[in-house]
């Protein structure tokens, strides 16, 4: 464990393991790096894996208000500068952070799993934000989680249940360890989703990414993640897609061989020359 300093003076606690090329993991919303311990372990024989809690979580500094994704990019930049890493993998909102960061940070190779983007009317639906934020104001995190869960996983059978029943299920979920974490962070997760909404625009906004890019989606995740990746692949010069069979939205934390093997191959392959479009 190492302590480094962000540009605004806040501390970042870096958790590193393994040996080999440096690889930074940027975690998703509603969780901490604890959920990615299996991913780190399965990559550690080929990479030096660096994880850090994003602000407002576990051993991280408090989030600076007003919150913007630029704060996340600055923190990732500090991690890259300290480790010398030029490779990063992001999940969910962490994938959004990595994509935005790749527009201005020195990243050579990135992989993003289930990136939530609003691409000019396509991608992540945002109608859930107002009712979920209202539930937080009313002190009802179970209801907020039920609303968010249905938006992130609209294809699941549970998401088609009445909201009252979903809320009761989430109330029971809040009594579990991971549920308590997600419940405590749901307000921050909604603020992150607002940043995705704020940066709505065409896929062409990401055409300036020069890093080799692997756009990953889970075959059991919401179909809009695959649609987002297809649109990004047509815009980012050195991008390709991967759809992981049987993998849900949290599949990167489960870290099955069907993901780890192509991910490892991508990050260790020789760098291909850029092809003009």
C-alpha atoms as a PDB file:
ATOM      1  CA  UNK A   1       0.000   0.000   0.000  1.00  0.00           C
ATOM      2  CA  UNK A   2       1.351   3.420  -1.012  1.00  0.00           C
ATOM      3  CA  UNK A   3       0.063   6.920  -0.369  1.00  0.00           C
ATOM      4  CA  UNK A   4       0.345   9.430  -3.177  1.00  0.00           C
ATOM      5  CA  UNK A   5      -0.958  12.967  -3.618  1.00  0.00           C
ATOM      6  CA  UNK A   6      -3.603  14.229  -6.051  1.00  0.00           C
ATOM      7  CA  UNK A   7      -3.171  17.620  -7.764  1.00  0.00           C
ATOM      8  CA  UNK A   8      -5.444  19.276  -5.184  1.00  0.00           C
ATOM      9  CA  UNK A   9      -3.395  17.881  -2.297  1.00  0.00           C
ATOM     10  CA  UNK A  10      -5.768  15.056  -1.358  1.00  0.00           C
ATOM     11  CA  UNK A  11      -4.310  11.656  -0.575  1.00  0.00           C
ATOM     12  CA  UNK A  12      -4.780   8.598  -2.773  1.00  0.00           C
ATOM     13  CA  UNK A  13      -4.115   5.163  -1.304  1.00  0.00           C
ATOM     14  CA  UNK A  14      -2.698   2.830  -3.940  1.00  0.00           C
ATOM     15  CA  UNK A  15      -3.101  -0.946  -3.564  1.00  0.00           C
ATOM     16  CA  UNK A  16      -0.715  -2.828  -5.845  1.00  0.00           C
ATOM     17  CA  UNK A  17      -0.087  -6.530  -6.436  1.00  0.00           C
ATOM     18  CA  UNK A  18       1.581  -8.831  -8.933  1.00  0.00           C
ATOM     19  CA  UNK A  19       4.467  -8.303 -11.316  1.00  0.00           C
ATOM     20  CA  UNK A  20       4.838  -7.304 -14.932  1.00  0.00           C
ATOM     21  CA  UNK A  21       3.567  -4.311 -16.935  1.00  0.00           C
ATOM     22  CA  UNK A  22       1.670  -1.742 -14.863  1.00  0.00           C
ATOM     23  CA  UNK A  23      -2.120  -1.835 -15.179  1.00  0.00           C
ATOM     24  CA  UNK A  24      -4.462   0.557 -13.357  1.00  0.00           C
ATOM     25  CA  UNK A  25      -8.033  -0.497 -12.518  1.00  0.00           C
ATOM     26  CA  UNK A  26     -10.714   2.190 -12.130  1.00  0.00           C
ATOM     27  CA  UNK A  27     -13.727   0.773 -10.305  1.00  0.00           C
ATOM     28  CA  UNK A  28     -17.406   1.371 -10.928  1.00  0.00           C
ATOM     29  CA  UNK A  29     -20.066   3.181  -8.924  1.00  0.00           C
ATOM     30  CA  UNK A  30     -21.682   1.858  -5.763  1.00  0.00           C
ATOM     31  CA  UNK A  31     -18.672  -0.298  -4.869  1.00  0.00           C
ATOM     32  CA  UNK A  32     -15.078  -0.147  -3.656  1.00  0.00           C
ATOM     33  CA  UNK A  33     -11.927  -1.908  -4.835  1.00  0.00           C
ATOM     34  CA  UNK A  34     -12.909  -4.807  -2.542  1.00  0.00           C
ATOM     35  CA  UNK A  35     -15.216  -6.060  -5.302  1.00  0.00           C
ATOM     36  CA  UNK A  36     -12.266  -6.322  -7.726  1.00  0.00           C
ATOM     37  CA  UNK A  37      -9.992  -8.528  -5.649  1.00  0.00           C
ATOM     38  CA  UNK A  38     -10.679 -11.565  -7.878  1.00  0.00           C
ATOM     39  CA  UNK A  39      -9.892  -9.550 -11.012  1.00  0.00           C
ATOM     40  CA  UNK A  40      -6.611  -8.343  -9.506  1.00  0.00           C
ATOM     41  CA  UNK A  41      -5.643 -11.842  -8.377  1.00  0.00           C
ATOM     42  CA  UNK A  42      -6.268 -13.333 -11.815  1.00  0.00           C
ATOM     43  CA  UNK A  43      -4.198 -10.670 -13.547  1.00  0.00           C
ATOM     44  CA  UNK A  44      -1.371 -10.510 -10.994  1.00  0.00           C
ATOM     45  CA  UNK A  45       0.711 -13.266 -12.606  1.00  0.00           C
ATOM     46  CA  UNK A  46       1.038 -11.141 -15.769  1.00  0.00           C
ATOM     47  CA  UNK A  47       0.711  -7.529 -14.561  1.00  0.00           C
ATOM     48  CA  UNK A  48       1.423  -5.237 -11.675  1.00  0.00           C
ATOM     49  CA  UNK A  49      -2.176  -4.341 -10.894  1.00  0.00           C
ATOM     50  CA  UNK A  50      -2.883  -0.990  -9.220  1.00  0.00           C
ATOM     51  CA  UNK A  51      -6.231  -0.314  -7.563  1.00  0.00           C
ATOM     52  CA  UNK A  52      -7.385   2.730  -5.617  1.00  0.00           C
ATOM     53  CA  UNK A  53     -10.688   3.728  -4.099  1.00  0.00           C
ATOM     54  CA  UNK A  54     -12.283   6.654  -5.824  1.00  0.00           C
ATOM     55  CA  UNK A  55     -13.156   9.567  -3.578  1.00  0.00           C
ATOM     56  CA  UNK A  56     -15.752   9.206  -0.872  1.00  0.00           C
ATOM     57  CA  UNK A  57     -15.120   5.471  -0.449  1.00  0.00           C
ATOM     58  CA  UNK A  58     -13.250   3.406   2.151  1.00  0.00           C
ATOM     59  CA  UNK A  59      -9.691   4.770   2.504  1.00  0.00           C
ATOM     60  CA  UNK A  60     -10.115   7.541  -0.122  1.00  0.00           C
ATOM     61  CA  UNK A  61     -10.316  11.269   0.545  1.00  0.00           C
ATOM     62  CA  UNK A  62     -13.761  12.925   0.555  1.00  0.00           C
ATOM     63  CA  UNK A  63     -15.230  13.950  -2.770  1.00  0.00           C
ATOM     64  CA  UNK A  64     -14.705  17.599  -3.640  1.00  0.00           C
ATOM     65  CA  UNK A  65     -17.899  19.544  -4.347  1.00  0.00           C
ATOM     66  CA  UNK A  66     -19.236  20.484  -6.778  1.00  0.00           C
ATOM     67  CA  UNK A  67     -18.405  17.081  -8.175  1.00  0.00           C
ATOM     68  CA  UNK A  68     -17.267  16.648 -11.779  1.00  0.00           C
ATOM     69  CA  UNK A  69     -15.593  13.816 -13.655  1.00  0.00           C
ATOM     70  CA  UNK A  70     -12.524  16.045 -14.044  1.00  0.00           C
ATOM     71  CA  UNK A  71     -11.692  15.311 -10.406  1.00  0.00           C
ATOM     72  CA  UNK A  72     -11.585  11.596 -11.279  1.00  0.00           C
ATOM     73  CA  UNK A  73      -9.344  12.274 -14.281  1.00  0.00           C
ATOM     74  CA  UNK A  74      -6.937  14.306 -12.160  1.00  0.00           C
ATOM     75  CA  UNK A  75      -6.722  11.483  -9.623  1.00  0.00           C
ATOM     76  CA  UNK A  76      -6.134   8.889 -12.338  1.00  0.00           C
ATOM     77  CA  UNK A  77      -3.455  11.150 -13.790  1.00  0.00           C
ATOM     78  CA  UNK A  78      -1.684  11.202 -10.420  1.00  0.00           C
ATOM     79  CA  UNK A  79      -1.783   7.381 -10.297  1.00  0.00           C
ATOM     80  CA  UNK A  80      -0.403   7.106 -13.838  1.00  0.00           C
ATOM     81  CA  UNK A  81       2.387   9.574 -13.052  1.00  0.00           C
ATOM     82  CA  UNK A  82       3.377   7.748  -9.866  1.00  0.00           C
ATOM     83  CA  UNK A  83       3.336   4.227 -11.313  1.00  0.00           C
ATOM     84  CA  UNK A  84       4.459   4.999 -14.853  1.00  0.00           C
ATOM     85  CA  UNK A  85       1.458   3.008 -16.082  1.00  0.00           C
ATOM     86  CA  UNK A  86       0.155   3.608 -19.583  1.00  0.00           C
ATOM     87  CA  UNK A  87      -2.541   0.945 -19.443  1.00  0.00           C
ATOM     88  CA  UNK A  88      -5.899   1.200 -17.686  1.00  0.00           C
ATOM     89  CA  UNK A  89      -9.095  -0.793 -17.390  1.00  0.00           C
ATOM     90  CA  UNK A  90     -12.366   0.706 -16.214  1.00  0.00           C
ATOM     91  CA  UNK A  91     -15.733  -0.726 -15.242  1.00  0.00           C
ATOM     92  CA  UNK A  92     -19.096   1.019 -15.543  1.00  0.00           C
ATOM     93  CA  UNK A  93     -18.626   4.627 -14.366  1.00  0.00           C
ATOM     94  CA  UNK A  94     -14.917   3.824 -14.051  1.00  0.00           C
ATOM     95  CA  UNK A  95     -15.024   3.006 -17.770  1.00  0.00           C
ATOM     96  CA  UNK A  96     -16.518   6.445 -18.423  1.00  0.00           C
ATOM     97  CA  UNK A  97     -13.663   7.958 -16.405  1.00  0.00           C
ATOM     98  CA  UNK A  98     -11.055   6.033 -18.425  1.00  0.00           C
ATOM     99  CA  UNK A  99     -12.586   7.047 -21.756  1.00  0.00           C
ATOM    100  CA  UNK A 100     -12.711  10.719 -20.770  1.00  0.00           C
ATOM    101  CA  UNK A 101      -9.163  10.478 -19.390  1.00  0.00           C
ATOM    102  CA  UNK A 102      -7.884   8.939 -22.625  1.00  0.00           C
ATOM    103  CA  UNK A 103      -8.720  12.211 -24.373  1.00  0.00           C
ATOM    104  CA  UNK A 104      -6.013  14.032 -22.404  1.00  0.00           C
ATOM    105  CA  UNK A 105      -3.848  11.664 -20.330  1.00  0.00           C
ATOM    106  CA  UNK A 106      -0.861   9.630 -21.630  1.00  0.00           C
ATOM    107  CA  UNK A 107      -2.602   6.276 -22.031  1.00  0.00           C
ATOM    108  CA  UNK A 108      -1.368   3.812 -24.649  1.00  0.00           C
ATOM    109  CA  UNK A 109      -3.921   1.051 -24.157  1.00  0.00           C
ATOM    110  CA  UNK A 110      -7.306   0.993 -22.437  1.00  0.00           C
ATOM    111  CA  UNK A 111     -10.083  -1.528 -21.890  1.00  0.00           C
ATOM    112  CA  UNK A 112     -13.546  -0.490 -20.757  1.00  0.00           C
ATOM    113  CA  UNK A 113     -16.325  -2.821 -19.594  1.00  0.00           C
ATOM    114  CA  UNK A 114     -20.003  -1.793 -19.877  1.00  0.00           C
ATOM    115  CA  UNK A 115     -19.395   1.915 -20.346  1.00  0.00           C
ATOM    116  CA  UNK A 116     -22.474   4.046 -19.540  1.00  0.00           C
ATOM    117  CA  UNK A 117     -22.686   6.811 -22.116  1.00  0.00           C
ATOM    118  CA  UNK A 118     -25.407   9.038 -23.512  1.00  0.00           C
ATOM    119  CA  UNK A 119     -24.594   9.186 -27.209  1.00  0.00           C
ATOM    120  CA  UNK A 120     -26.947  11.747 -28.710  1.00  0.00           C
ATOM    121  CA  UNK A 121     -30.133   9.940 -27.740  1.00  0.00           C
ATOM    122  CA  UNK A 122     -28.649   6.445 -27.621  1.00  0.00           C
ATOM    123  CA  UNK A 123     -27.208   4.485 -24.721  1.00  0.00           C
ATOM    124  CA  UNK A 124     -27.840   4.972 -21.016  1.00  0.00           C
ATOM    125  CA  UNK A 125     -31.436   6.007 -20.257  1.00  0.00           C
ATOM    126  CA  UNK A 126     -31.592   8.854 -17.749  1.00  0.00           C
ATOM    127  CA  UNK A 127     -35.295   8.970 -16.836  1.00  0.00           C
ATOM    128  CA  UNK A 128     -34.452   7.070 -13.637  1.00  0.00           C
ATOM    129  CA  UNK A 129     -32.375   9.918 -12.198  1.00  0.00           C
ATOM    130  CA  UNK A 130     -35.155  12.212 -10.961  1.00  0.00           C
ATOM    131  CA  UNK A 131     -37.172   9.521  -9.095  1.00  0.00           C
ATOM    132  CA  UNK A 132     -34.020   7.931  -7.676  1.00  0.00           C
ATOM    133  CA  UNK A 133     -32.757  11.282  -6.391  1.00  0.00           C
ATOM    134  CA  UNK A 134     -36.190  11.949  -4.907  1.00  0.00           C
ATOM    135  CA  UNK A 135     -35.988   8.619  -3.066  1.00  0.00           C
ATOM    136  CA  UNK A 136     -32.618   9.653  -1.599  1.00  0.00           C
ATOM    137  CA  UNK A 137     -34.068  12.981  -0.452  1.00  0.00           C
ATOM    138  CA  UNK A 138     -36.900  11.022   1.185  1.00  0.00           C
ATOM    139  CA  UNK A 139     -34.375   8.863   3.052  1.00  0.00           C
ATOM    140  CA  UNK A 140     -35.316   5.705   1.144  1.00  0.00           C
ATOM    141  CA  UNK A 141     -32.097   4.161  -0.242  1.00  0.00           C
ATOM    142  CA  UNK A 142     -33.850   0.830  -0.882  1.00  0.00           C
ATOM    143  CA  UNK A 143     -36.267   2.512  -3.278  1.00  0.00           C
ATOM    144  CA  UNK A 144     -33.385   4.388  -4.922  1.00  0.00           C
ATOM    145  CA  UNK A 145     -31.468   1.137  -5.442  1.00  0.00           C
ATOM    146  CA  UNK A 146     -34.556  -0.516  -6.903  1.00  0.00           C
ATOM    147  CA  UNK A 147     -34.935   2.317  -9.417  1.00  0.00           C
ATOM    148  CA  UNK A 148     -31.231   2.352 -10.326  1.00  0.00           C
ATOM    149  CA  UNK A 149     -31.080  -1.436 -10.596  1.00  0.00           C
ATOM    150  CA  UNK A 150     -33.926  -1.541 -13.106  1.00  0.00           C
ATOM    151  CA  UNK A 151     -32.247   1.143 -15.215  1.00  0.00           C
ATOM    152  CA  UNK A 152     -28.869  -0.613 -15.276  1.00  0.00           C
ATOM    153  CA  UNK A 153     -30.340  -4.096 -15.784  1.00  0.00           C
ATOM    154  CA  UNK A 154     -33.595  -3.572 -17.729  1.00  0.00           C
ATOM    155  CA  UNK A 155     -33.235  -7.002 -19.319  1.00  0.00           C
ATOM    156  CA  UNK A 156     -33.460  -8.882 -16.002  1.00  0.00           C
ATOM    157  CA  UNK A 157     -36.666 -10.525 -14.792  1.00  0.00           C
ATOM    158  CA  UNK A 158     -36.377  -8.746 -11.424  1.00  0.00           C
ATOM    159  CA  UNK A 159     -36.469  -5.350 -13.141  1.00  0.00           C
ATOM    160  CA  UNK A 160     -39.942  -6.136 -14.471  1.00  0.00           C
ATOM    161  CA  UNK A 161     -41.400  -6.627 -10.987  1.00  0.00           C
ATOM    162  CA  UNK A 162     -43.524  -3.854  -9.422  1.00  0.00           C
ATOM    163  CA  UNK A 163     -41.427  -1.111  -7.805  1.00  0.00           C
ATOM    164  CA  UNK A 164     -42.831  -1.874  -4.360  1.00  0.00           C
ATOM    165  CA  UNK A 165     -41.688  -5.492  -4.574  1.00  0.00           C
ATOM    166  CA  UNK A 166     -38.290  -4.480  -5.933  1.00  0.00           C
ATOM    167  CA  UNK A 167     -37.933  -2.018  -3.072  1.00  0.00           C
ATOM    168  CA  UNK A 168     -38.703  -4.765  -0.536  1.00  0.00           C
ATOM    169  CA  UNK A 169     -36.055  -6.989  -2.157  1.00  0.00           C
ATOM    170  CA  UNK A 170     -33.530  -4.137  -2.001  1.00  0.00           C
ATOM    171  CA  UNK A 171     -34.413  -3.502   1.649  1.00  0.00           C
ATOM    172  CA  UNK A 172     -33.355  -7.079   2.399  1.00  0.00           C
ATOM    173  CA  UNK A 173     -30.282  -6.628   0.179  1.00  0.00           C
ATOM    174  CA  UNK A 174     -29.243  -3.635   2.309  1.00  0.00           C
ATOM    175  CA  UNK A 175     -28.697  -6.030   5.203  1.00  0.00           C
ATOM    176  CA  UNK A 176     -25.851  -7.760   3.330  1.00  0.00           C
ATOM    177  CA  UNK A 177     -22.263  -6.498   3.277  1.00  0.00           C
ATOM    178  CA  UNK A 178     -22.296  -5.472  -0.378  1.00  0.00           C
ATOM    179  CA  UNK A 179     -25.808  -4.069   0.031  1.00  0.00           C
ATOM    180  CA  UNK A 180     -24.730  -1.809   2.880  1.00  0.00           C
ATOM    181  CA  UNK A 181     -21.896  -0.500   0.708  1.00  0.00           C
ATOM    182  CA  UNK A 182     -24.130   0.128  -2.281  1.00  0.00           C
ATOM    183  CA  UNK A 183     -26.792   1.741  -0.114  1.00  0.00           C
ATOM    184  CA  UNK A 184     -24.299   4.122   1.447  1.00  0.00           C
ATOM    185  CA  UNK A 185     -22.934   5.096  -1.980  1.00  0.00           C
ATOM    186  CA  UNK A 186     -26.122   5.330  -4.046  1.00  0.00           C
ATOM    187  CA  UNK A 187     -26.249   9.123  -3.717  1.00  0.00           C
ATOM    188  CA  UNK A 188     -22.739   9.391  -5.150  1.00  0.00           C
ATOM    189  CA  UNK A 189     -23.649   6.909  -7.872  1.00  0.00           C
ATOM    190  CA  UNK A 190     -26.497   9.173  -8.952  1.00  0.00           C
ATOM    191  CA  UNK A 191     -24.158  12.193  -9.030  1.00  0.00           C
ATOM    192  CA  UNK A 192     -21.871  10.173 -11.300  1.00  0.00           C
ATOM    193  CA  UNK A 193     -24.778   9.315 -13.589  1.00  0.00           C
ATOM    194  CA  UNK A 194     -25.530  13.026 -13.825  1.00  0.00           C
ATOM    195  CA  UNK A 195     -21.988  13.526 -15.108  1.00  0.00           C
ATOM    196  CA  UNK A 196     -22.640  10.956 -17.833  1.00  0.00           C
ATOM    197  CA  UNK A 197     -25.781  12.885 -18.727  1.00  0.00           C
ATOM    198  CA  UNK A 198     -23.890  16.202 -18.692  1.00  0.00           C
ATOM    199  CA  UNK A 199     -21.418  14.821 -21.229  1.00  0.00           C
ATOM    200  CA  UNK A 200     -24.061  13.589 -23.651  1.00  0.00           C
ATOM    201  CA  UNK A 201     -22.970  13.921 -27.257  1.00  0.00           C
ATOM    202  CA  UNK A 202     -22.192  11.965 -30.429  1.00  0.00           C
ATOM    203  CA  UNK A 203     -19.717   9.096 -30.414  1.00  0.00           C
ATOM    204  CA  UNK A 204     -17.449  11.258 -32.526  1.00  0.00           C
ATOM    205  CA  UNK A 205     -16.507  13.196 -29.390  1.00  0.00           C
ATOM    206  CA  UNK A 206     -14.263  10.229 -28.554  1.00  0.00           C
ATOM    207  CA  UNK A 207     -12.533  10.156 -31.939  1.00  0.00           C
ATOM    208  CA  UNK A 208      -9.554  11.935 -30.384  1.00  0.00           C
ATOM    209  CA  UNK A 209      -8.611   8.865 -28.341  1.00  0.00           C
ATOM    210  CA  UNK A 210      -5.286   7.605 -29.695  1.00  0.00           C
ATOM    211  CA  UNK A 211      -4.885   4.678 -27.297  1.00  0.00           C
ATOM    212  CA  UNK A 212      -5.564   1.164 -28.511  1.00  0.00           C
ATOM    213  CA  UNK A 213      -9.018   0.532 -27.102  1.00  0.00           C
ATOM    214  CA  UNK A 214     -10.905  -2.643 -26.207  1.00  0.00           C
ATOM    215  CA  UNK A 215     -14.631  -1.989 -25.806  1.00  0.00           C
ATOM    216  CA  UNK A 216     -16.084  -4.812 -23.719  1.00  0.00           C
ATOM    217  CA  UNK A 217     -19.697  -5.607 -22.909  1.00  0.00           C
ATOM    218  CA  UNK A 218     -21.321  -8.449 -21.029  1.00  0.00           C
ATOM    219  CA  UNK A 219     -23.710 -10.592 -23.074  1.00  0.00           C
ATOM    220  CA  UNK A 220     -26.050 -10.739 -20.045  1.00  0.00           C
ATOM    221  CA  UNK A 221     -25.800  -7.009 -19.347  1.00  0.00           C
ATOM    222  CA  UNK A 222     -28.167  -4.360 -20.708  1.00  0.00           C
ATOM    223  CA  UNK A 223     -28.180  -4.412 -24.537  1.00  0.00           C
ATOM    224  CA  UNK A 224     -27.437  -0.692 -24.677  1.00  0.00           C
ATOM    225  CA  UNK A 225     -23.861  -1.342 -23.506  1.00  0.00           C
ATOM    226  CA  UNK A 226     -23.185  -3.326 -26.681  1.00  0.00           C
ATOM    227  CA  UNK A 227     -24.858  -0.598 -28.768  1.00  0.00           C
ATOM    228  CA  UNK A 228     -22.636   2.020 -27.117  1.00  0.00           C
ATOM    229  CA  UNK A 229     -19.538  -0.032 -27.924  1.00  0.00           C
ATOM    230  CA  UNK A 230     -20.542  -0.474 -31.565  1.00  0.00           C
ATOM    231  CA  UNK A 231     -20.975   3.280 -31.932  1.00  0.00           C
ATOM    232  CA  UNK A 232     -17.666   4.002 -30.202  1.00  0.00           C
ATOM    233  CA  UNK A 233     -15.831   1.426 -32.336  1.00  0.00           C
ATOM    234  CA  UNK A 234     -16.922   3.311 -35.442  1.00  0.00           C
ATOM    235  CA  UNK A 235     -15.500   6.550 -34.017  1.00  0.00           C
ATOM    236  CA  UNK A 236     -12.295   5.653 -32.128  1.00  0.00           C
ATOM    237  CA  UNK A 237      -9.461   4.998 -34.604  1.00  0.00           C
ATOM    238  CA  UNK A 238      -7.804   2.034 -32.825  1.00  0.00           C
ATOM    239  CA  UNK A 239     -10.805   0.386 -31.184  1.00  0.00           C
ATOM    240  CA  UNK A 240     -12.367  -3.030 -31.329  1.00  0.00           C
ATOM    241  CA  UNK A 241     -15.207  -4.686 -29.432  1.00  0.00           C
ATOM    242  CA  UNK A 242     -15.544  -7.794 -27.296  1.00  0.00           C
ATOM    243  CA  UNK A 243     -18.836  -9.249 -26.064  1.00  0.00           C
ATOM    244  CA  UNK A 244     -18.244 -11.713 -23.216  1.00  0.00           C
ATOM    245  CA  UNK A 245     -20.609 -14.736 -23.334  1.00  0.00           C
ATOM    246  CA  UNK A 246     -22.733 -15.225 -20.225  1.00  0.00           C
ATOM    247  CA  UNK A 247     -21.270 -12.198 -18.480  1.00  0.00           C
ATOM    248  CA  UNK A 248     -23.517  -9.770 -16.540  1.00  0.00           C
ATOM    249  CA  UNK A 249     -22.830  -6.121 -15.708  1.00  0.00           C
ATOM    250  CA  UNK A 250     -20.590  -7.113 -12.800  1.00  0.00           C
ATOM    251  CA  UNK A 251     -18.857  -9.774 -14.877  1.00  0.00           C
ATOM    252  CA  UNK A 252     -15.508  -7.984 -14.710  1.00  0.00           C
ATOM    253  CA  UNK A 253     -15.520  -8.455 -10.926  1.00  0.00           C
ATOM    254  CA  UNK A 254     -16.379 -12.139 -11.383  1.00  0.00           C
ATOM    255  CA  UNK A 255     -13.380 -12.283 -13.761  1.00  0.00           C
ATOM    256  CA  UNK A 256     -14.144 -15.451 -15.761  1.00  0.00           C
ATOM    257  CA  UNK A 257     -11.519 -16.894 -18.153  1.00  0.00           C
ATOM    258  CA  UNK A 258     -13.679 -15.737 -21.092  1.00  0.00           C
ATOM    259  CA  UNK A 259     -12.824 -12.190 -20.016  1.00  0.00           C
ATOM    260  CA  UNK A 260      -9.400 -12.562 -18.376  1.00  0.00           C
ATOM    261  CA  UNK A 261      -7.805 -14.364 -21.317  1.00  0.00           C
ATOM    262  CA  UNK A 262      -8.707 -11.828 -24.040  1.00  0.00           C
ATOM    263  CA  UNK A 263      -8.058  -8.954 -21.622  1.00  0.00           C
ATOM    264  CA  UNK A 264      -4.561 -10.259 -20.877  1.00  0.00           C
ATOM    265  CA  UNK A 265      -3.882 -10.862 -24.556  1.00  0.00           C
ATOM    266  CA  UNK A 266      -4.982  -7.317 -25.397  1.00  0.00           C
ATOM    267  CA  UNK A 267      -2.734  -5.699 -22.799  1.00  0.00           C
ATOM    268  CA  UNK A 268       0.326  -7.785 -23.716  1.00  0.00           C
ATOM    269  CA  UNK A 269       0.042  -7.752 -27.538  1.00  0.00           C
ATOM    270  CA  UNK A 270       2.568  -5.720 -29.542  1.00  0.00           C
ATOM    271  CA  UNK A 271       1.374  -2.215 -30.239  1.00  0.00           C
ATOM    272  CA  UNK A 272      -0.138  -1.929 -33.692  1.00  0.00           C
ATOM    273  CA  UNK A 273       0.580   1.147 -35.798  1.00  0.00           C
ATOM    274  CA  UNK A 274      -2.240   3.638 -36.121  1.00  0.00           C
ATOM    275  CA  UNK A 275      -4.282   3.299 -39.279  1.00  0.00           C
ATOM    276  CA  UNK A 276      -5.561   6.545 -40.804  1.00  0.00           C
ATOM    277  CA  UNK A 277      -9.326   6.720 -41.349  1.00  0.00           C
END
